[in-house]
Structures are given as C-alpha cells and as structure tokens.
Amino acid sequence: DAIEQCRKLCGGHGYLSNSGLPELFAVYIPTCTYEGDNVVLLLQVARFLMKTVSQLGSGKKPVGTIAYMGRAEHLMQCRCEVERAEDWLKPSVILEAFEARAFRMSIACAKNLSKFSNPEDGFSELSPDLLEAAIAHCQLIVVSKYIEKLQQDIPGKGVKRQLKILCNVYALHLLHKHLGDFVTTSCITPKQGALANEQLRLLYSQVRPNAITLVDAFNYTDHYLGSVLGCYNGNVYQRLYEEAWKDPLNDTVVPDGYLEYVWPILKQHIRTARL
C-alpha cells in the first residue's frame, strides 16, 4: 500500500520504469501471500482470539500478546477520558483505547458466534467481523510494542523525541482510519475522535520538517533504490533528463526509418493539402 501511495504522489513520473516504483511494487507485492493469503492468516488469529475468550471464565490467566484480556471487566467498562487534543499524546490513553477496542470486538464476535448451533457455520457467516477483530488485535500488538520500546533509553540526541512523534502519528492514524470501530464499541465518543484528528494534523506539521532526514536514516543508497526520483541529492529533473537520453529512441535526433517511411507520407500530404 505504501509503494502504491508513493507512486500516486509522484504523478505521471511514478509510472516511469526508471522511477524504480513499478519494479519495487512487483518485487514486494508477493510478500503478502508467501505464507498464505492475509485473510486466511487473520482468520487463524480470530480462531485463537475466540478460544481465548471462551477460556476467560476458567481461571486461566491470558499471557503474552493477549495478556490485556485478563483485565476483561475493566476493558468492558472503561471510558476514554480525553477532553483536549493534547490528551491523545499520553501513551496510557492511546493504549487503553486500542485494548478496549480489540477486546470488545472479540467479545462481540464471541457472543454472535454462540448463537449458532454449528460453530463452523457461525465462523463462516461471521468471517467479516472476525477479520476486523483480528486486525484490531494485531494493530494493538504493534502499538503496544512501539510504546513499550519508547519507555527504554534510546541513544542519540533528539532521536527518542522524533520516535515518540512517529509513534503518536502511527497510533492516531490507525484510530482515524478505523474510527468507526472505536466509536461503535463505545471506546471513544465522536467528539474525542475529532480531537484525535486535530492532534494528528498537529503531529504532521511536526514531522514534515524532518521527513526527508527520517527517510535518509534508513541509509538506502541510490544504487540500492535504483530510482531517479529517490536520489539522495534530490536533483530529480536533471536525472530524468539524463535517463531519457539513454533510451535507444533518443540515440539520434531523427529516429531510424523516419526519412525512409514517415517523411515521404508527410511530404505527400503537404503537397495535396488545401490551405
């Protein structure tokens, strides 16, 4: 998705083979299905979540990535306390919203699944809802691990601050993208969703001055990228011009065959043309 987004933002230049984007897209797109289709994998996660929910009353304590389900009562009753846009910068607020959303979506799926006499029929019928619950769980894992890492010492002057901004951008972007899930599960109110969008816009303005430097931090060389648009010196149009001259059609001012085939036809039309 990110590669396709970059291609769109580059306009017509994104279609050029020397932009590197078509080849990059072709190389990376299979990674979505190397281990099976994403939908199949997400439904496997959903089965795991339904099994975990069914065991909550057995006294078995959830651990690992599902440890948050051990606080079932709290997550079903908690309400987001955001009153101002800057409240969304608190890691605890973001984390609780994502935990409550993931847990409530799993509980809703489990309740609907229990209405079917045959669990497999129910699983097939509720696949779209189970898919969304699995996505919510996976997004929670990424956000929680990101926040957890930022609690540690990170070397480099100003690095931790930039990573915190990126963490908030990532989390609030997901919240904006899946706002319907957060609102329908009563994790947040529509007003709090609007405040999240407001804070996200402010975060974008903080990231923008350092965007190029943050990308350069990956240290991808021009040779590795193979792109006239992604060159390190930013001299895009000069490199586009140079690449155009490498095309065989531009080896000569007049292409081969023009004088033999095209020019006689044009000359004939000029003679017979009426002004």
C-alpha atoms as a PDB file:
ATOM      1  CA  ASP A   1       0.000   0.000   0.000  1.00  0.00           C
ATOM      2  CA  ALA A   2       2.829   2.406   0.838  1.00  0.00           C
ATOM      3  CA  ILE A   3       4.541   1.785  -2.517  1.00  0.00           C
ATOM      4  CA  GLU A   4       1.294   2.424  -4.380  1.00  0.00           C
ATOM      5  CA  GLN A   5       0.723   5.589  -2.350  1.00  0.00           C
ATOM      6  CA  CYS A   6       4.200   6.834  -3.270  1.00  0.00           C
ATOM      7  CA  ARG A   7       3.528   6.104  -6.938  1.00  0.00           C
ATOM      8  CA  LYS A   8       0.326   8.153  -6.849  1.00  0.00           C
ATOM      9  CA  LEU A   9       2.071  11.064  -5.129  1.00  0.00           C
ATOM     10  CA  CYS A  10       4.719  11.108  -7.876  1.00  0.00           C
ATOM     11  CA  GLY A  11       2.053  11.686 -10.518  1.00  0.00           C
ATOM     12  CA  GLY A  12       2.919  10.604 -14.064  1.00  0.00           C
ATOM     13  CA  HIS A  13       6.578  10.196 -13.143  1.00  0.00           C
ATOM     14  CA  GLY A  14       5.581   7.336 -10.854  1.00  0.00           C
ATOM     15  CA  TYR A  15       4.773   5.221 -13.920  1.00  0.00           C
ATOM     16  CA  LEU A  16       8.283   5.545 -15.350  1.00  0.00           C
ATOM     17  CA  SER A  17      10.344   2.375 -15.139  1.00  0.00           C
ATOM     18  CA  ASN A  18      13.380   4.420 -14.074  1.00  0.00           C
ATOM     19  CA  SER A  19      11.423   5.718 -11.077  1.00  0.00           C
ATOM     20  CA  GLY A  20      12.022   2.288  -9.555  1.00  0.00           C
ATOM     21  CA  LEU A  21       8.465   2.112  -8.215  1.00  0.00           C
ATOM     22  CA  PRO A  22       6.994  -0.373 -10.749  1.00  0.00           C
ATOM     23  CA  GLU A  23       9.818  -2.848 -10.089  1.00  0.00           C
ATOM     24  CA  LEU A  24       9.634  -2.260  -6.332  1.00  0.00           C
ATOM     25  CA  PHE A  25       5.892  -2.940  -6.383  1.00  0.00           C
ATOM     26  CA  ALA A  26       6.334  -6.136  -8.426  1.00  0.00           C
ATOM     27  CA  VAL A  27       9.053  -7.423  -6.075  1.00  0.00           C
ATOM     28  CA  TYR A  28       7.301  -6.712  -2.779  1.00  0.00           C
ATOM     29  CA  ILE A  29       3.658  -7.490  -3.608  1.00  0.00           C
ATOM     30  CA  PRO A  30       4.158 -11.298  -3.340  1.00  0.00           C
ATOM     31  CA  THR A  31       5.299 -10.949   0.287  1.00  0.00           C
ATOM     32  CA  CYS A  32       1.631 -10.545   1.247  1.00  0.00           C
ATOM     33  CA  THR A  33       0.965 -14.154   0.226  1.00  0.00           C
ATOM     34  CA  TYR A  34       4.231 -16.051   0.725  1.00  0.00           C
ATOM     35  CA  GLU A  35       2.810 -17.801   3.804  1.00  0.00           C
ATOM     36  CA  GLY A  36      -0.795 -17.780   2.646  1.00  0.00           C
ATOM     37  CA  ASP A  37      -3.375 -15.134   1.939  1.00  0.00           C
ATOM     38  CA  ASN A  38      -3.681 -12.427   4.590  1.00  0.00           C
ATOM     39  CA  VAL A  39      -7.366 -13.228   5.071  1.00  0.00           C
ATOM     40  CA  VAL A  40      -6.569 -16.864   5.876  1.00  0.00           C
ATOM     41  CA  LEU A  41      -3.889 -15.843   8.369  1.00  0.00           C
ATOM     42  CA  LEU A  42      -6.162 -13.285  10.031  1.00  0.00           C
ATOM     43  CA  LEU A  43      -8.946 -15.856  10.393  1.00  0.00           C
ATOM     44  CA  GLN A  44      -6.464 -18.137  12.153  1.00  0.00           C
ATOM     45  CA  VAL A  45      -5.753 -15.281  14.566  1.00  0.00           C
ATOM     46  CA  ALA A  46      -9.514 -14.861  15.013  1.00  0.00           C
ATOM     47  CA  ARG A  47      -9.872 -18.544  15.981  1.00  0.00           C
ATOM     48  CA  PHE A  48      -7.164 -18.044  18.585  1.00  0.00           C
ATOM     49  CA  LEU A  49      -8.974 -14.984  19.955  1.00  0.00           C
ATOM     50  CA  MET A  50     -12.307 -16.835  20.175  1.00  0.00           C
ATOM     51  CA  LYS A  51     -10.621 -19.706  22.012  1.00  0.00           C
ATOM     52  CA  THR A  52      -9.045 -17.253  24.460  1.00  0.00           C
ATOM     53  CA  VAL A  53     -12.370 -15.506  25.111  1.00  0.00           C
ATOM     54  CA  SER A  54     -14.054 -18.857  25.794  1.00  0.00           C
ATOM     55  CA  GLN A  55     -11.426 -19.623  28.461  1.00  0.00           C
ATOM     56  CA  LEU A  56     -11.676 -16.315  30.328  1.00  0.00           C
ATOM     57  CA  GLY A  57     -14.007 -17.730  32.977  1.00  0.00           C
ATOM     58  CA  SER A  58     -11.906 -20.845  33.574  1.00  0.00           C
ATOM     59  CA  GLY A  59      -9.372 -19.092  35.779  1.00  0.00           C
ATOM     60  CA  LYS A  60      -6.623 -19.483  33.194  1.00  0.00           C
ATOM     61  CA  LYS A  61      -4.739 -16.189  33.012  1.00  0.00           C
ATOM     62  CA  PRO A  62      -4.023 -14.886  29.488  1.00  0.00           C
ATOM     63  CA  VAL A  63      -0.351 -14.224  28.810  1.00  0.00           C
ATOM     64  CA  GLY A  64       1.782 -12.789  26.045  1.00  0.00           C
ATOM     65  CA  THR A  65       0.055 -10.742  23.364  1.00  0.00           C
ATOM     66  CA  ILE A  66      -3.377 -11.494  24.884  1.00  0.00           C
ATOM     67  CA  ALA A  67      -2.456 -10.514  28.456  1.00  0.00           C
ATOM     68  CA  TYR A  68      -4.733  -7.475  28.160  1.00  0.00           C
ATOM     69  CA  MET A  69      -7.753  -9.810  28.100  1.00  0.00           C
ATOM     70  CA  GLY A  70      -7.030 -10.604  31.733  1.00  0.00           C
ATOM     71  CA  ARG A  71      -8.493  -7.173  32.561  1.00  0.00           C
ATOM     72  CA  ALA A  72     -11.823  -8.051  30.966  1.00  0.00           C
ATOM     73  CA  GLU A  73     -14.073  -6.249  33.456  1.00  0.00           C
ATOM     74  CA  HIS A  74     -12.090  -3.024  33.281  1.00  0.00           C
ATOM     75  CA  LEU A  75     -11.873  -3.019  29.475  1.00  0.00           C
ATOM     76  CA  MET A  76     -15.631  -3.532  29.138  1.00  0.00           C
ATOM     77  CA  GLN A  77     -16.448  -0.630  31.462  1.00  0.00           C
ATOM     78  CA  CYS A  78     -13.667   1.911  30.895  1.00  0.00           C
ATOM     79  CA  ARG A  79     -14.369   5.180  29.122  1.00  0.00           C
ATOM     80  CA  CYS A  80     -11.850   7.372  27.377  1.00  0.00           C
ATOM     81  CA  GLU A  81     -11.036  10.469  29.454  1.00  0.00           C
ATOM     82  CA  VAL A  82      -9.760  12.656  26.615  1.00  0.00           C
ATOM     83  CA  GLU A  83     -11.007  16.238  26.931  1.00  0.00           C
ATOM     84  CA  ARG A  84      -8.386  18.094  24.875  1.00  0.00           C
ATOM     85  CA  ALA A  85      -6.493  17.249  21.704  1.00  0.00           C
ATOM     86  CA  GLU A  86      -3.146  17.034  23.541  1.00  0.00           C
ATOM     87  CA  ASP A  87      -4.564  14.326  25.839  1.00  0.00           C
ATOM     88  CA  TRP A  88      -4.087  11.934  22.926  1.00  0.00           C
ATOM     89  CA  LEU A  89      -0.316  12.269  23.382  1.00  0.00           C
ATOM     90  CA  LYS A  90      -0.486  10.227  26.599  1.00  0.00           C
ATOM     91  CA  PRO A  91       0.673   6.638  25.914  1.00  0.00           C
ATOM     92  CA  SER A  92      -1.704   5.234  28.551  1.00  0.00           C
ATOM     93  CA  VAL A  93      -4.709   6.851  26.853  1.00  0.00           C
ATOM     94  CA  ILE A  94      -3.778   5.507  23.417  1.00  0.00           C
ATOM     95  CA  LEU A  95      -3.020   2.031  24.741  1.00  0.00           C
ATOM     96  CA  GLU A  96      -6.260   1.735  26.704  1.00  0.00           C
ATOM     97  CA  ALA A  97      -8.318   2.833  23.687  1.00  0.00           C
ATOM     98  CA  PHE A  98      -6.703   0.183  21.476  1.00  0.00           C
ATOM     99  CA  GLU A  99      -7.048  -2.508  24.154  1.00  0.00           C
ATOM    100  CA  ALA A 100     -10.710  -1.733  24.772  1.00  0.00           C
ATOM    101  CA  ARG A 101     -11.469  -1.701  21.054  1.00  0.00           C
ATOM    102  CA  ALA A 102      -9.734  -5.041  20.402  1.00  0.00           C
ATOM    103  CA  PHE A 103     -11.289  -6.740  23.425  1.00  0.00           C
ATOM    104  CA  ARG A 104     -14.837  -5.507  22.835  1.00  0.00           C
ATOM    105  CA  MET A 105     -14.734  -6.525  19.183  1.00  0.00           C
ATOM    106  CA  SER A 106     -13.590 -10.019  20.195  1.00  0.00           C
ATOM    107  CA  ILE A 107     -16.337 -10.267  22.831  1.00  0.00           C
ATOM    108  CA  ALA A 108     -18.980  -9.153  20.313  1.00  0.00           C
ATOM    109  CA  CYS A 109     -17.826 -11.811  17.840  1.00  0.00           C
ATOM    110  CA  ALA A 110     -17.842 -14.489  20.557  1.00  0.00           C
ATOM    111  CA  LYS A 111     -21.422 -13.582  21.553  1.00  0.00           C
ATOM    112  CA  ASN A 112     -22.643 -13.729  17.964  1.00  0.00           C
ATOM    113  CA  LEU A 113     -20.771 -16.988  17.407  1.00  0.00           C
ATOM    114  CA  SER A 114     -22.510 -18.596  20.387  1.00  0.00           C
ATOM    115  CA  LYS A 115     -25.890 -18.136  18.664  1.00  0.00           C
ATOM    116  CA  PHE A 116     -25.014 -20.758  16.045  1.00  0.00           C
ATOM    117  CA  SER A 117     -25.598 -24.440  16.777  1.00  0.00           C
ATOM    118  CA  ASN A 118     -22.706 -25.326  14.476  1.00  0.00           C
ATOM    119  CA  PRO A 119     -19.588 -23.255  15.301  1.00  0.00           C
ATOM    120  CA  GLU A 120     -18.136 -23.764  11.815  1.00  0.00           C
ATOM    121  CA  ASP A 121     -21.268 -22.352  10.196  1.00  0.00           C
ATOM    122  CA  GLY A 122     -21.074 -19.393  12.540  1.00  0.00           C
ATOM    123  CA  PHE A 123     -17.404 -18.876  11.804  1.00  0.00           C
ATOM    124  CA  SER A 124     -18.124 -18.841   8.077  1.00  0.00           C
ATOM    125  CA  GLU A 125     -21.071 -16.467   8.471  1.00  0.00           C
ATOM    126  CA  LEU A 126     -19.208 -14.075  10.775  1.00  0.00           C
ATOM    127  CA  SER A 127     -15.921 -14.077   8.846  1.00  0.00           C
ATOM    128  CA  PRO A 128     -16.004 -10.324   8.055  1.00  0.00           C
ATOM    129  CA  ASP A 129     -16.483  -9.427  11.744  1.00  0.00           C
ATOM    130  CA  LEU A 130     -13.857 -11.929  12.868  1.00  0.00           C
ATOM    131  CA  LEU A 131     -11.454 -10.493  10.322  1.00  0.00           C
ATOM    132  CA  GLU A 132     -11.876  -6.987  11.748  1.00  0.00           C
ATOM    133  CA  ALA A 133     -11.412  -8.279  15.303  1.00  0.00           C
ATOM    134  CA  ALA A 134      -8.148  -9.955  14.295  1.00  0.00           C
ATOM    135  CA  ILE A 135      -6.929  -6.758  12.630  1.00  0.00           C
ATOM    136  CA  ALA A 136      -7.738  -4.783  15.795  1.00  0.00           C
ATOM    137  CA  HIS A 137      -5.733  -7.282  17.860  1.00  0.00           C
ATOM    138  CA  CYS A 138      -2.726  -7.133  15.506  1.00  0.00           C
ATOM    139  CA  GLN A 139      -2.743  -3.338  15.480  1.00  0.00           C
ATOM    140  CA  LEU A 140      -2.836  -3.343  19.276  1.00  0.00           C
ATOM    141  CA  ILE A 141       0.280  -5.533  19.358  1.00  0.00           C
ATOM    142  CA  VAL A 142       2.229  -3.148  17.106  1.00  0.00           C
ATOM    143  CA  VAL A 143       1.134  -0.032  19.017  1.00  0.00           C
ATOM    144  CA  SER A 144       1.823  -1.592  22.432  1.00  0.00           C
ATOM    145  CA  LYS A 145       5.289  -2.812  21.418  1.00  0.00           C
ATOM    146  CA  TYR A 146       6.092   0.612  19.976  1.00  0.00           C
ATOM    147  CA  ILE A 147       5.059   2.335  23.209  1.00  0.00           C
ATOM    148  CA  GLU A 148       6.912  -0.251  25.295  1.00  0.00           C
ATOM    149  CA  LYS A 149      10.123   0.328  23.359  1.00  0.00           C
ATOM    150  CA  LEU A 150       9.883   4.083  23.888  1.00  0.00           C
ATOM    151  CA  GLN A 151       9.916   3.553  27.653  1.00  0.00           C
ATOM    152  CA  GLN A 152      13.537   2.426  27.329  1.00  0.00           C
ATOM    153  CA  ASP A 153      16.663   4.523  26.839  1.00  0.00           C
ATOM    154  CA  ILE A 154      17.328   5.275  23.178  1.00  0.00           C
ATOM    155  CA  PRO A 155      20.782   6.593  22.201  1.00  0.00           C
ATOM    156  CA  GLY A 156      21.205   9.653  20.011  1.00  0.00           C
ATOM    157  CA  LYS A 157      20.357  13.283  20.637  1.00  0.00           C
ATOM    158  CA  GLY A 158      16.724  14.007  19.809  1.00  0.00           C
ATOM    159  CA  VAL A 159      16.115  10.504  18.423  1.00  0.00           C
ATOM    160  CA  LYS A 160      13.674   9.471  21.131  1.00  0.00           C
ATOM    161  CA  ARG A 161      11.617  12.639  20.666  1.00  0.00           C
ATOM    162  CA  GLN A 162      11.254  12.015  16.935  1.00  0.00           C
ATOM    163  CA  LEU A 163      10.325   8.376  17.536  1.00  0.00           C
ATOM    164  CA  LYS A 164       7.651   9.461  20.021  1.00  0.00           C
ATOM    165  CA  ILE A 165       6.163  11.776  17.414  1.00  0.00           C
ATOM    166  CA  LEU A 166       6.162   8.968  14.840  1.00  0.00           C
ATOM    167  CA  CYS A 167       4.584   6.604  17.371  1.00  0.00           C
ATOM    168  CA  ASN A 168       1.760   9.059  18.021  1.00  0.00           C
ATOM    169  CA  VAL A 169       1.314   9.630  14.286  1.00  0.00           C
ATOM    170  CA  TYR A 170       1.064   5.893  13.681  1.00  0.00           C
ATOM    171  CA  ALA A 171      -1.395   5.270  16.518  1.00  0.00           C
ATOM    172  CA  LEU A 172      -3.653   8.238  15.753  1.00  0.00           C
ATOM    173  CA  HIS A 173      -3.567   7.463  12.031  1.00  0.00           C
ATOM    174  CA  LEU A 174      -4.889   3.974  12.808  1.00  0.00           C
ATOM    175  CA  LEU A 175      -7.514   5.488  15.085  1.00  0.00           C
ATOM    176  CA  HIS A 176      -8.556   7.883  12.315  1.00  0.00           C
ATOM    177  CA  LYS A 177      -8.643   5.085   9.734  1.00  0.00           C
ATOM    178  CA  HIS A 178     -10.712   2.770  11.963  1.00  0.00           C
ATOM    179  CA  LEU A 179     -12.677   5.467  13.775  1.00  0.00           C
ATOM    180  CA  GLY A 180     -15.919   3.562  13.233  1.00  0.00           C
ATOM    181  CA  ASP A 181     -14.645   0.631  15.311  1.00  0.00           C
ATOM    182  CA  PHE A 182     -13.635   2.856  18.219  1.00  0.00           C
ATOM    183  CA  VAL A 183     -16.945   4.739  18.224  1.00  0.00           C
ATOM    184  CA  THR A 184     -19.302   1.764  17.738  1.00  0.00           C
ATOM    185  CA  THR A 185     -17.613  -0.141  20.570  1.00  0.00           C
ATOM    186  CA  SER A 186     -18.031   2.972  22.774  1.00  0.00           C
ATOM    187  CA  CYS A 187     -14.288   3.190  23.405  1.00  0.00           C
ATOM    188  CA  ILE A 188     -14.369   6.866  22.471  1.00  0.00           C
ATOM    189  CA  THR A 189     -17.004   9.437  21.571  1.00  0.00           C
ATOM    190  CA  PRO A 190     -17.306  11.169  18.179  1.00  0.00           C
ATOM    191  CA  LYS A 191     -16.023  14.363  19.812  1.00  0.00           C
ATOM    192  CA  GLN A 192     -12.926  12.562  21.094  1.00  0.00           C
ATOM    193  CA  GLY A 193     -12.414  11.168  17.596  1.00  0.00           C
ATOM    194  CA  ALA A 194     -12.470  14.715  16.238  1.00  0.00           C
ATOM    195  CA  LEU A 195      -9.894  15.738  18.855  1.00  0.00           C
ATOM    196  CA  ALA A 196      -7.686  12.832  17.743  1.00  0.00           C
ATOM    197  CA  ASN A 197      -7.853  14.068  14.141  1.00  0.00           C
ATOM    198  CA  GLU A 198      -6.970  17.578  15.300  1.00  0.00           C
ATOM    199  CA  GLN A 199      -3.933  16.296  17.181  1.00  0.00           C
ATOM    200  CA  LEU A 200      -2.918  14.176  14.185  1.00  0.00           C
ATOM    201  CA  ARG A 201      -2.795  17.273  11.969  1.00  0.00           C
ATOM    202  CA  LEU A 202      -0.556  19.000  14.509  1.00  0.00           C
ATOM    203  CA  LEU A 203       1.748  15.974  14.581  1.00  0.00           C
ATOM    204  CA  TYR A 204       2.018  16.010  10.787  1.00  0.00           C
ATOM    205  CA  SER A 205       3.300  19.586  10.965  1.00  0.00           C
ATOM    206  CA  GLN A 206       5.989  18.445  13.431  1.00  0.00           C
ATOM    207  CA  VAL A 207       7.090  15.530  11.257  1.00  0.00           C
ATOM    208  CA  ARG A 208       7.150  17.450   7.972  1.00  0.00           C
ATOM    209  CA  PRO A 209      10.408  19.449   8.548  1.00  0.00           C
ATOM    210  CA  ASN A 210      12.294  16.229   9.337  1.00  0.00           C
ATOM    211  CA  ALA A 211      10.570  13.897   6.877  1.00  0.00           C
ATOM    212  CA  ILE A 212      13.468  13.688   4.403  1.00  0.00           C
ATOM    213  CA  THR A 213      16.038  13.196   7.167  1.00  0.00           C
ATOM    214  CA  LEU A 214      13.946  10.450   8.761  1.00  0.00           C
ATOM    215  CA  VAL A 215      13.771   8.602   5.445  1.00  0.00           C
ATOM    216  CA  ASP A 216      17.513   9.092   4.853  1.00  0.00           C
ATOM    217  CA  ALA A 217      18.109   7.466   8.247  1.00  0.00           C
ATOM    218  CA  PHE A 218      17.381   4.091   6.611  1.00  0.00           C
ATOM    219  CA  ASN A 219      20.613   4.704   4.654  1.00  0.00           C
ATOM    220  CA  TYR A 220      19.400   3.260   1.356  1.00  0.00           C
ATOM    221  CA  THR A 221      21.916   4.077  -1.368  1.00  0.00           C
ATOM    222  CA  ASP A 222      20.970   5.410  -4.803  1.00  0.00           C
ATOM    223  CA  HIS A 223      22.245   2.162  -6.299  1.00  0.00           C
ATOM    224  CA  TYR A 224      20.007   0.108  -3.997  1.00  0.00           C
ATOM    225  CA  LEU A 225      16.889   2.164  -4.751  1.00  0.00           C
ATOM    226  CA  GLY A 226      17.555   2.358  -8.494  1.00  0.00           C
ATOM    227  CA  SER A 227      15.297   5.388  -8.788  1.00  0.00           C
ATOM    228  CA  VAL A 228      15.768   8.753 -10.463  1.00  0.00           C
ATOM    229  CA  LEU A 229      13.049  10.133  -8.183  1.00  0.00           C
ATOM    230  CA  GLY A 230      14.534   8.842  -4.937  1.00  0.00           C
ATOM    231  CA  CYS A 231      18.080  10.075  -5.498  1.00  0.00           C
ATOM    232  CA  TYR A 232      19.970  11.326  -2.460  1.00  0.00           C
ATOM    233  CA  ASN A 233      20.890  14.752  -3.890  1.00  0.00           C
ATOM    234  CA  GLY A 234      17.278  15.482  -4.844  1.00  0.00           C
ATOM    235  CA  ASN A 235      18.261  16.597  -8.360  1.00  0.00           C
ATOM    236  CA  VAL A 236      15.250  14.847  -9.883  1.00  0.00           C
ATOM    237  CA  TYR A 237      14.708  16.677 -13.176  1.00  0.00           C
ATOM    238  CA  GLN A 238      18.361  16.598 -14.207  1.00  0.00           C
ATOM    239  CA  ARG A 239      18.436  12.844 -13.648  1.00  0.00           C
ATOM    240  CA  LEU A 240      15.153  12.391 -15.529  1.00  0.00           C
ATOM    241  CA  TYR A 241      16.678  14.252 -18.482  1.00  0.00           C
ATOM    242  CA  GLU A 242      19.831  12.127 -18.369  1.00  0.00           C
ATOM    243  CA  GLU A 243      17.829   8.895 -18.204  1.00  0.00           C
ATOM    244  CA  ALA A 244      15.713   9.980 -21.175  1.00  0.00           C
ATOM    245  CA  TRP A 245      18.860  10.254 -23.318  1.00  0.00           C
ATOM    246  CA  LYS A 246      19.711   6.635 -22.518  1.00  0.00           C
ATOM    247  CA  ASP A 247      16.620   5.452 -24.379  1.00  0.00           C
ATOM    248  CA  PRO A 248      17.566   3.939 -27.791  1.00  0.00           C
ATOM    249  CA  LEU A 249      14.970   6.136 -29.494  1.00  0.00           C
ATOM    250  CA  ASN A 250      16.977   9.167 -28.443  1.00  0.00           C
ATOM    251  CA  ASP A 251      20.316   7.969 -29.836  1.00  0.00           C
ATOM    252  CA  THR A 252      19.805  10.207 -32.863  1.00  0.00           C
ATOM    253  CA  VAL A 253      17.908  13.421 -33.459  1.00  0.00           C
ATOM    254  CA  VAL A 254      15.918  11.720 -36.221  1.00  0.00           C
ATOM    255  CA  PRO A 255      14.844   8.128 -35.404  1.00  0.00           C
ATOM    256  CA  ASP A 256      15.732   5.331 -37.804  1.00  0.00           C
ATOM    257  CA  GLY A 257      13.123   4.834 -40.506  1.00  0.00           C
ATOM    258  CA  TYR A 258      11.754   8.356 -40.319  1.00  0.00           C
ATOM    259  CA  LEU A 259      13.294   9.568 -43.609  1.00  0.00           C
ATOM    260  CA  GLU A 260      12.528   6.277 -45.392  1.00  0.00           C
ATOM    261  CA  TYR A 261       8.905   5.791 -44.337  1.00  0.00           C
ATOM    262  CA  VAL A 262       7.385   8.705 -42.430  1.00  0.00           C
ATOM    263  CA  TRP A 263       8.748  11.715 -44.294  1.00  0.00           C
ATOM    264  CA  PRO A 264       7.515  10.621 -47.787  1.00  0.00           C
ATOM    265  CA  ILE A 265       3.971  10.269 -46.427  1.00  0.00           C
ATOM    266  CA  LEU A 266       4.091  13.672 -44.739  1.00  0.00           C
ATOM    267  CA  LYS A 267       5.567  15.239 -47.881  1.00  0.00           C
ATOM    268  CA  GLN A 268       2.741  13.835 -49.989  1.00  0.00           C
ATOM    269  CA  HIS A 269       0.123  15.200 -47.594  1.00  0.00           C
ATOM    270  CA  ILE A 270       1.771  18.622 -47.661  1.00  0.00           C
ATOM    271  CA  ARG A 271       1.550  18.730 -51.461  1.00  0.00           C
ATOM    272  CA  THR A 272      -2.130  17.773 -51.534  1.00  0.00           C
ATOM    273  CA  ALA A 273      -3.169  19.870 -48.550  1.00  0.00           C
ATOM    274  CA  ARG A 274      -5.503  22.789 -49.210  1.00  0.00           C
ATOM    275  CA  LEU A 275      -4.830  25.981 -47.313  1.00  0.00           C
END
